[in-house]
PDB file of N, CA and C in Angstrom:
ATOM      1  N   MET A   1     -20.518   1.053  14.441  1.00  0.00           N
ATOM      2  CA  MET A   1     -20.000  -0.001  14.732  1.00  0.00           C
ATOM      3  C   MET A   1     -18.558   0.197  15.271  1.00  0.00           C
ATOM      4  N   GLY A   2     -17.770  -0.727  16.297  1.00  0.00           N
ATOM      5  CA  GLY A   2     -16.857   0.014  17.010  1.00  0.00           C
ATOM      6  C   GLY A   2     -15.656  -1.288  15.412  1.00  0.00           C
ATOM      7  N   GLU A   3     -14.017  -0.823  15.536  1.00  0.00           N
ATOM      8  CA  GLU A   3     -13.271  -1.201  14.441  1.00  0.00           C
ATOM      9  C   GLU A   3     -13.635  -2.993  15.021  1.00  0.00           C
ATOM     10  N   THR A   4     -13.445  -3.525  15.357  1.00  0.00           N
ATOM     11  CA  THR A   4     -13.712  -5.302  16.094  1.00  0.00           C
ATOM     12  C   THR A   4     -14.760  -5.539  15.431  1.00  0.00           C
ATOM     13  N   ASP A   5     -15.989  -4.752  15.742  1.00  0.00           N
ATOM     14  CA  ASP A   5     -17.498  -5.138  15.266  1.00  0.00           C
ATOM     15  C   ASP A   5     -17.732  -5.503  13.726  1.00  0.00           C
ATOM     16  N   ASP A   6     -17.024  -4.532  12.896  1.00  0.00           N
ATOM     17  CA  ASP A   6     -17.002  -4.118  11.172  1.00  0.00           C
ATOM     18  C   ASP A   6     -16.311  -5.441  10.964  1.00  0.00           C
ATOM     19  N   PRO A   7     -17.135  -6.231   9.634  1.00  0.00           N
ATOM     20  CA  PRO A   7     -16.827  -7.550   9.306  1.00  0.00           C
ATOM     21  C   PRO A   7     -15.796  -7.158   8.309  1.00  0.00           C
ATOM     22  N   LEU A   8     -15.576  -6.185   7.692  1.00  0.00           N
ATOM     23  CA  LEU A   8     -14.829  -5.347   6.356  1.00  0.00           C
ATOM     24  C   LEU A   8     -12.959  -5.273   7.104  1.00  0.00           C
ATOM     25  N   ARG A   9     -13.484  -4.935   7.925  1.00  0.00           N
ATOM     26  CA  ARG A   9     -12.076  -4.473   8.922  1.00  0.00           C
ATOM     27  C   ARG A   9     -11.701  -5.929   9.251  1.00  0.00           C
ATOM     28  N   ARG A  10     -12.308  -6.533   9.492  1.00  0.00           N
ATOM     29  CA  ARG A  10     -12.119  -7.994  10.126  1.00  0.00           C
ATOM     30  C   ARG A  10     -11.181  -8.870   8.978  1.00  0.00           C
ATOM     31  N   MET A  11     -11.967  -8.775   8.096  1.00  0.00           N
ATOM     32  CA  MET A  11     -11.863  -9.339   6.528  1.00  0.00           C
ATOM     33  C   MET A  11     -10.131  -8.983   6.449  1.00  0.00           C
ATOM     34  N   VAL A  12     -10.035  -7.123   6.238  1.00  0.00           N
ATOM     35  CA  VAL A  12      -9.160  -6.989   5.675  1.00  0.00           C
ATOM     36  C   VAL A  12      -7.955  -7.490   6.828  1.00  0.00           C
ATOM     37  N   ALA A  13      -7.748  -7.194   8.046  1.00  0.00           N
ATOM     38  CA  ALA A  13      -7.422  -8.172   9.212  1.00  0.00           C
ATOM     39  C   ALA A  13      -6.318  -8.914   9.085  1.00  0.00           C
ATOM     40  N   GLY A  14      -7.784 -10.503   8.255  1.00  0.00           N
ATOM     41  CA  GLY A  14      -7.224 -11.481   7.894  1.00  0.00           C
ATOM     42  C   GLY A  14      -6.664 -11.301   7.284  1.00  0.00           C
ATOM     43  N   LEU A  15      -6.656 -10.329   6.027  1.00  0.00           N
ATOM     44  CA  LEU A  15      -5.970 -10.639   4.890  1.00  0.00           C
ATOM     45  C   LEU A  15      -4.468  -9.982   5.008  1.00  0.00           C
ATOM     46  N   ALA A  16      -4.211  -9.248   5.780  1.00  0.00           N
ATOM     47  CA  ALA A  16      -2.893  -8.709   6.354  1.00  0.00           C
ATOM     48  C   ALA A  16      -2.272  -9.828   6.898  1.00  0.00           C
ATOM     49  N   ARG A  17      -2.845 -10.621   8.110  1.00  0.00           N
ATOM     50  CA  ARG A  17      -2.281 -11.642   8.397  1.00  0.00           C
ATOM     51  C   ARG A  17      -1.790 -12.941   7.425  1.00  0.00           C
ATOM     52  N   ALA A  18      -2.141 -13.106   6.568  1.00  0.00           N
ATOM     53  CA  ALA A  18      -2.300 -14.031   5.299  1.00  0.00           C
ATOM     54  C   ALA A  18      -1.150 -13.682   4.617  1.00  0.00           C
ATOM     55  N   GLY A  19      -0.869 -12.174   4.272  1.00  0.00           N
ATOM     56  CA  GLY A  19       0.153 -11.522   3.594  1.00  0.00           C
ATOM     57  C   GLY A  19      -0.664 -11.643   1.968  1.00  0.00           C
ATOM     58  N   LEU A  20      -2.274 -11.309   2.371  1.00  0.00           N
ATOM     59  CA  LEU A  20      -2.806 -11.316   0.773  1.00  0.00           C
ATOM     60  C   LEU A  20      -3.060  -9.949   0.417  1.00  0.00           C
ATOM     61  N   LEU A  21      -2.969  -8.799   1.075  1.00  0.00           N
ATOM     62  CA  LEU A  21      -3.706  -7.502   1.375  1.00  0.00           C
ATOM     63  C   LEU A  21      -3.574  -7.301  -0.891  1.00  0.00           C
ATOM     64  N   THR A  22      -2.437  -7.477  -1.083  1.00  0.00           N
ATOM     65  CA  THR A  22      -1.646  -6.679  -2.575  1.00  0.00           C
ATOM     66  C   THR A  22      -2.617  -7.206  -3.366  1.00  0.00           C
ATOM     67  N   PRO A  23      -2.990  -8.743  -3.793  1.00  0.00           N
ATOM     68  CA  PRO A  23      -3.247  -9.283  -4.520  1.00  0.00           C
ATOM     69  C   PRO A  23      -4.834  -8.938  -4.324  1.00  0.00           C
ATOM     70  N   ALA A  24      -5.622  -9.199  -3.307  1.00  0.00           N
ATOM     71  CA  ALA A  24      -6.728  -8.845  -2.889  1.00  0.00           C
ATOM     72  C   ALA A  24      -6.963  -7.477  -3.268  1.00  0.00           C
ATOM     73  N   ALA A  25      -6.171  -6.259  -3.057  1.00  0.00           N
ATOM     74  CA  ALA A  25      -6.421  -4.800  -3.646  1.00  0.00           C
ATOM     75  C   ALA A  25      -6.548  -5.021  -5.058  1.00  0.00           C
ATOM     76  N   MET A  26      -5.923  -5.645  -5.696  1.00  0.00           N
ATOM     77  CA  MET A  26      -5.318  -5.913  -7.250  1.00  0.00           C
ATOM     78  C   MET A  26      -6.454  -6.581  -7.993  1.00  0.00           C
ATOM     79  N   LEU A  27      -7.100  -7.926  -7.109  1.00  0.00           N
ATOM     80  CA  LEU A  27      -8.181  -8.518  -7.952  1.00  0.00           C
ATOM     81  C   LEU A  27      -9.702  -7.538  -7.936  1.00  0.00           C
ATOM     82  N   LEU A  28      -9.923  -6.561  -6.250  1.00  0.00           N
ATOM     83  CA  LEU A  28     -10.870  -5.842  -6.399  1.00  0.00           C
ATOM     84  C   LEU A  28     -10.893  -4.703  -7.138  1.00  0.00           C
ATOM     85  N   ASP A  29      -9.628  -4.106  -7.573  1.00  0.00           N
ATOM     86  CA  ASP A  29      -9.859  -2.997  -8.626  1.00  0.00           C
ATOM     87  C   ASP A  29      -9.725  -3.563  -9.864  1.00  0.00           C
ATOM     88  N   THR A  30      -9.378  -4.915 -10.215  1.00  0.00           N
ATOM     89  CA  THR A  30      -9.876  -5.425 -11.813  1.00  0.00           C
ATOM     90  C   THR A  30     -11.196  -5.384 -11.717  1.00  0.00           C
ATOM     91  N   LEU A  31     -11.942  -6.017 -10.651  1.00  0.00           N
ATOM     92  CA  LEU A  31     -13.198  -6.479 -10.953  1.00  0.00           C
ATOM     93  C   LEU A  31     -14.641  -5.270 -10.583  1.00  0.00           C
ATOM     94  N   SER A  32     -13.656  -4.145 -10.408  1.00  0.00           N
ATOM     95  CA  SER A  32     -15.082  -3.109  -9.890  1.00  0.00           C
ATOM     96  C   SER A  32     -15.523  -2.880 -10.993  1.00  0.00           C
ATOM     97  N   PRO A  33     -15.214  -3.078 -12.002  1.00  0.00           N
ATOM     98  CA  PRO A  33     -16.700  -2.284 -12.838  1.00  0.00           C
ATOM     99  C   PRO A  33     -17.971  -3.484 -13.087  1.00  0.00           C
ATOM    100  N   LEU A  34     -17.692  -4.712 -12.360  1.00  0.00           N
ATOM    101  CA  LEU A  34     -18.530  -5.729 -11.955  1.00  0.00           C
ATOM    102  C   LEU A  34     -19.377  -5.618 -10.764  1.00  0.00           C
ATOM    103  N   ASP A  35     -19.073  -4.198  -9.768  1.00  0.00           N
ATOM    104  CA  ASP A  35     -19.709  -4.144  -8.625  1.00  0.00           C
ATOM    105  C   ASP A  35     -21.295  -4.388  -8.769  1.00  0.00           C
ATOM    106  N   VAL A  36     -22.266  -4.242  -9.342  1.00  0.00           N
ATOM    107  CA  VAL A  36     -23.842  -4.540  -9.286  1.00  0.00           C
ATOM    108  C   VAL A  36     -23.823  -5.715  -9.556  1.00  0.00           C
ATOM    109  N   ILE A  37     -22.978  -6.695 -10.253  1.00  0.00           N
ATOM    110  CA  ILE A  37     -23.110  -7.834  -9.855  1.00  0.00           C
ATOM    111  C   ILE A  37     -22.878  -8.858  -8.903  1.00  0.00           C
ATOM    112  N   SER A  38     -21.662  -8.225  -8.279  1.00  0.00           N
ATOM    113  CA  SER A  38     -20.975  -8.496  -6.943  1.00  0.00           C
ATOM    114  C   SER A  38     -22.093  -8.054  -5.990  1.00  0.00           C
ATOM    115  N   CYS A  39     -22.781  -7.449  -5.992  1.00  0.00           N
ATOM    116  CA  CYS A  39     -23.782  -6.723  -5.040  1.00  0.00           C
ATOM    117  C   CYS A  39     -24.890  -8.082  -5.180  1.00  0.00           C
ATOM    118  N   GLN A  40     -25.507  -8.409  -6.510  1.00  0.00           N
ATOM    119  CA  GLN A  40     -26.534  -9.107  -6.307  1.00  0.00           C
ATOM    120  C   GLN A  40     -25.909 -10.639  -5.712  1.00  0.00           C
ATOM    121  N   LEU A  41     -24.861 -11.352  -6.081  1.00  0.00           N
ATOM    122  CA  LEU A  41     -24.291 -12.590  -5.741  1.00  0.00           C
ATOM    123  C   LEU A  41     -24.223 -12.198  -4.295  1.00  0.00           C
ATOM    124  N   ALA A  42     -23.934 -11.057  -3.515  1.00  0.00           N
ATOM    125  CA  ALA A  42     -23.977 -10.947  -2.291  1.00  0.00           C
ATOM    126  C   ALA A  42     -25.504 -11.274  -1.513  1.00  0.00           C
ATOM    127  N   ARG A  43     -26.457 -10.372  -2.189  1.00  0.00           N
ATOM    128  CA  ARG A  43     -27.530 -10.680  -2.209  1.00  0.00           C
ATOM    129  C   ARG A  43     -28.469 -12.007  -2.241  1.00  0.00           C
ATOM    130  N   PHE A  44     -27.910 -13.081  -3.388  1.00  0.00           N
ATOM    131  CA  PHE A  44     -28.363 -14.293  -3.507  1.00  0.00           C
ATOM    132  C   PHE A  44     -28.249 -15.278  -2.230  1.00  0.00           C
ATOM    133  N   SER A  45     -26.311 -14.748  -2.251  1.00  0.00           N
ATOM    134  CA  SER A  45     -26.059 -15.833  -1.466  1.00  0.00           C
ATOM    135  C   SER A  45     -26.567 -15.261   0.708  1.00  0.00           C
ATOM    136  N   ARG A  46     -27.210 -14.368   0.712  1.00  0.00           N
ATOM    137  CA  ARG A  46     -27.527 -13.965   1.828  1.00  0.00           C
ATOM    138  C   ARG A  46     -28.147 -15.373   2.610  1.00  0.00           C
ATOM    139  N   PRO A  47     -29.348 -15.807   1.687  1.00  0.00           N
ATOM    140  CA  PRO A  47     -29.981 -16.944   2.453  1.00  0.00           C
ATOM    141  C   PRO A  47     -28.942 -18.360   3.023  1.00  0.00           C
ATOM    142  N   LEU A  48     -28.102 -18.677   2.193  1.00  0.00           N
ATOM    143  CA  LEU A  48     -27.237 -19.416   2.259  1.00  0.00           C
ATOM    144  C   LEU A  48     -26.011 -19.358   3.239  1.00  0.00           C
ATOM    145  N   VAL A  49     -25.895 -18.197   3.848  1.00  0.00           N
ATOM    146  CA  VAL A  49     -24.551 -18.162   4.949  1.00  0.00           C
ATOM    147  C   VAL A  49     -25.428 -17.197   6.028  1.00  0.00           C
ATOM    148  N   GLY A  50     -27.239 -17.103   5.940  1.00  0.00           N
ATOM    149  CA  GLY A  50     -27.608 -17.094   7.358  1.00  0.00           C
ATOM    150  C   GLY A  50     -27.179 -17.618   8.326  1.00  0.00           C
ATOM    151  N   GLY A  51     -26.852 -17.020   9.491  1.00  0.00           N
ATOM    152  CA  GLY A  51     -26.895 -17.956  11.298  1.00  0.00           C
ATOM    153  C   GLY A  51     -25.406 -17.992  11.062  1.00  0.00           C
ATOM    154  N   THR A  52     -24.604 -17.780   9.676  1.00  0.00           N
ATOM    155  CA  THR A  52     -23.051 -18.391   9.909  1.00  0.00           C
ATOM    156  C   THR A  52     -22.511 -16.502  10.335  1.00  0.00           C
ATOM    157  N   SER A  53     -20.525 -17.135  10.512  1.00  0.00           N
ATOM    158  CA  SER A  53     -19.968 -15.661  10.532  1.00  0.00           C
ATOM    159  C   SER A  53     -20.001 -15.369   9.390  1.00  0.00           C
ATOM    160  N   ALA A  54     -20.284 -15.630   8.055  1.00  0.00           N
ATOM    161  CA  ALA A  54     -20.147 -14.805   6.910  1.00  0.00           C
ATOM    162  C   ALA A  54     -21.172 -14.276   6.649  1.00  0.00           C
ATOM    163  N   GLU A  55     -22.326 -14.092   7.706  1.00  0.00           N
ATOM    164  CA  GLU A  55     -23.229 -13.431   7.118  1.00  0.00           C
ATOM    165  C   GLU A  55     -23.130 -12.108   7.209  1.00  0.00           C
ATOM    166  N   PRO A  56     -22.270 -11.242   8.479  1.00  0.00           N
ATOM    167  CA  PRO A  56     -22.256 -10.071   8.113  1.00  0.00           C
ATOM    168  C   PRO A  56     -21.295  -9.475   7.759  1.00  0.00           C
ATOM    169  N   LEU A  57     -20.192 -10.295   6.572  1.00  0.00           N
ATOM    170  CA  LEU A  57     -19.715  -9.603   5.965  1.00  0.00           C
ATOM    171  C   LEU A  57     -20.697  -9.708   4.628  1.00  0.00           C
ATOM    172  N   VAL A  58     -21.427 -10.658   4.198  1.00  0.00           N
ATOM    173  CA  VAL A  58     -22.195 -10.866   2.995  1.00  0.00           C
ATOM    174  C   VAL A  58     -23.150  -9.378   2.833  1.00  0.00           C
ATOM    175  N   ILE A  59     -23.752  -9.065   4.258  1.00  0.00           N
ATOM    176  CA  ILE A  59     -24.526  -8.083   4.670  1.00  0.00           C
ATOM    177  C   ILE A  59     -23.715  -6.969   4.229  1.00  0.00           C
ATOM    178  N   ALA A  60     -22.418  -6.654   4.417  1.00  0.00           N
ATOM    179  CA  ALA A  60     -21.965  -5.271   4.252  1.00  0.00           C
ATOM    180  C   ALA A  60     -21.319  -5.605   2.982  1.00  0.00           C
ATOM    181  N   LEU A  61     -21.322  -6.070   2.383  1.00  0.00           N
ATOM    182  CA  LEU A  61     -20.591  -6.395   0.502  1.00  0.00           C
ATOM    183  C   LEU A  61     -22.650  -6.319   0.018  1.00  0.00           C
ATOM    184  N   GLU A  62     -23.507  -6.294   0.200  1.00  0.00           N
ATOM    185  CA  GLU A  62     -24.306  -6.108  -0.328  1.00  0.00           C
ATOM    186  C   GLU A  62     -25.268  -4.752  -1.313  1.00  0.00           C
ATOM    187  N   ASP A  63     -24.147  -3.710  -1.205  1.00  0.00           N
ATOM    188  CA  ASP A  63     -24.443  -2.492  -2.058  1.00  0.00           C
ATOM    189  C   ASP A  63     -22.551  -1.974  -2.505  1.00  0.00           C
ATOM    190  N   ALA A  64     -22.689  -1.672  -3.518  1.00  0.00           N
ATOM    191  CA  ALA A  64     -21.325  -0.847  -4.115  1.00  0.00           C
ATOM    192  C   ALA A  64     -20.840   0.109  -2.663  1.00  0.00           C
ATOM    193  N   ALA A  65     -21.374   0.644  -2.084  1.00  0.00           N
ATOM    194  CA  ALA A  65     -20.679   1.363  -0.865  1.00  0.00           C
ATOM    195  C   ALA A  65     -19.689   0.448  -0.195  1.00  0.00           C
ATOM    196  N   GLY A  66     -20.443  -0.931  -0.248  1.00  0.00           N
ATOM    197  CA  GLY A  66     -19.653  -1.876   0.724  1.00  0.00           C
ATOM    198  C   GLY A  66     -18.590  -1.752   0.447  1.00  0.00           C
ATOM    199  N   TRP A  67     -18.356  -3.057  -1.246  1.00  0.00           N
ATOM    200  CA  TRP A  67     -17.246  -2.895  -2.124  1.00  0.00           C
ATOM    201  C   TRP A  67     -16.434  -0.967  -2.241  1.00  0.00           C
ATOM    202  N   ALA A  68     -16.671  -0.473  -2.137  1.00  0.00           N
ATOM    203  CA  ALA A  68     -15.870   1.117  -2.499  1.00  0.00           C
ATOM    204  C   ALA A  68     -14.960   1.226  -0.988  1.00  0.00           C
ATOM    205  N   GLU A  69     -16.053   0.815   0.534  1.00  0.00           N
ATOM    206  CA  GLU A  69     -15.426   0.550   1.520  1.00  0.00           C
ATOM    207  C   GLU A  69     -14.038  -0.149   1.690  1.00  0.00           C
ATOM    208  N   LEU A  70     -14.453  -1.682   1.276  1.00  0.00           N
ATOM    209  CA  LEU A  70     -13.227  -2.773   1.220  1.00  0.00           C
ATOM    210  C   LEU A  70     -12.224  -2.137   0.621  1.00  0.00           C
ATOM    211  N   ARG A  71     -12.564  -1.813  -1.117  1.00  0.00           N
ATOM    212  CA  ARG A  71     -11.060  -0.898  -1.713  1.00  0.00           C
ATOM    213  C   ARG A  71     -10.507   0.089  -0.732  1.00  0.00           C
ATOM    214  N   ARG A  72     -11.669   0.817  -0.039  1.00  0.00           N
ATOM    215  CA  ARG A  72     -10.774   2.244   0.818  1.00  0.00           C
ATOM    216  C   ARG A  72     -10.080   1.133   1.706  1.00  0.00           C
ATOM    217  N   LEU A  73     -10.626  -0.003   2.422  1.00  0.00           N
ATOM    218  CA  LEU A  73      -9.611  -0.074   3.536  1.00  0.00           C
ATOM    219  C   LEU A  73      -8.097  -1.211   3.471  1.00  0.00           C
ATOM    220  N   LEU A  74      -8.159  -1.439   1.896  1.00  0.00           N
ATOM    221  CA  LEU A  74      -7.090  -2.178   1.419  1.00  0.00           C
ATOM    222  C   LEU A  74      -6.393  -1.269   1.133  1.00  0.00           C
ATOM    223  N   ALA A  75      -6.671  -0.151   0.589  1.00  0.00           N
ATOM    224  CA  ALA A  75      -5.794   1.124   0.395  1.00  0.00           C
ATOM    225  C   ALA A  75      -4.525   1.238   1.312  1.00  0.00           C
ATOM    226  N   ARG A  76      -5.633   1.255   2.471  1.00  0.00           N
ATOM    227  CA  ARG A  76      -5.091   2.329   3.308  1.00  0.00           C
ATOM    228  C   ARG A  76      -4.009   1.282   4.140  1.00  0.00           C
ATOM    229  N   GLN A  77      -4.103   0.008   4.427  1.00  0.00           N
ATOM    230  CA  GLN A  77      -3.381  -0.690   4.642  1.00  0.00           C
ATOM    231  C   GLN A  77      -1.849  -1.243   4.061  1.00  0.00           C
ATOM    232  N   ASP A  78      -2.365  -0.962   2.722  1.00  0.00           N
ATOM    233  CA  ASP A  78      -0.603  -0.762   1.868  1.00  0.00           C
ATOM    234  C   ASP A  78       0.247  -0.001   2.378  1.00  0.00           C
TER     235      ASP A  78
END
């Protein structure tokens, strides 16, 4: 995936434009023990967001590796 095609990178770029990198990173670090539940919520919501612009992001966050990558991207931006 190219950088512009990666939904996690687009999300981090949007958070940066809004000035929300630090609060988002803090929230994700706080909720990291709940990654399994977060993955299940993403899987549950996939039929609800099917065909929308949110679908690639939900697909990226369906496993714990996606959440870890999001944390890594947020940490790199700080």
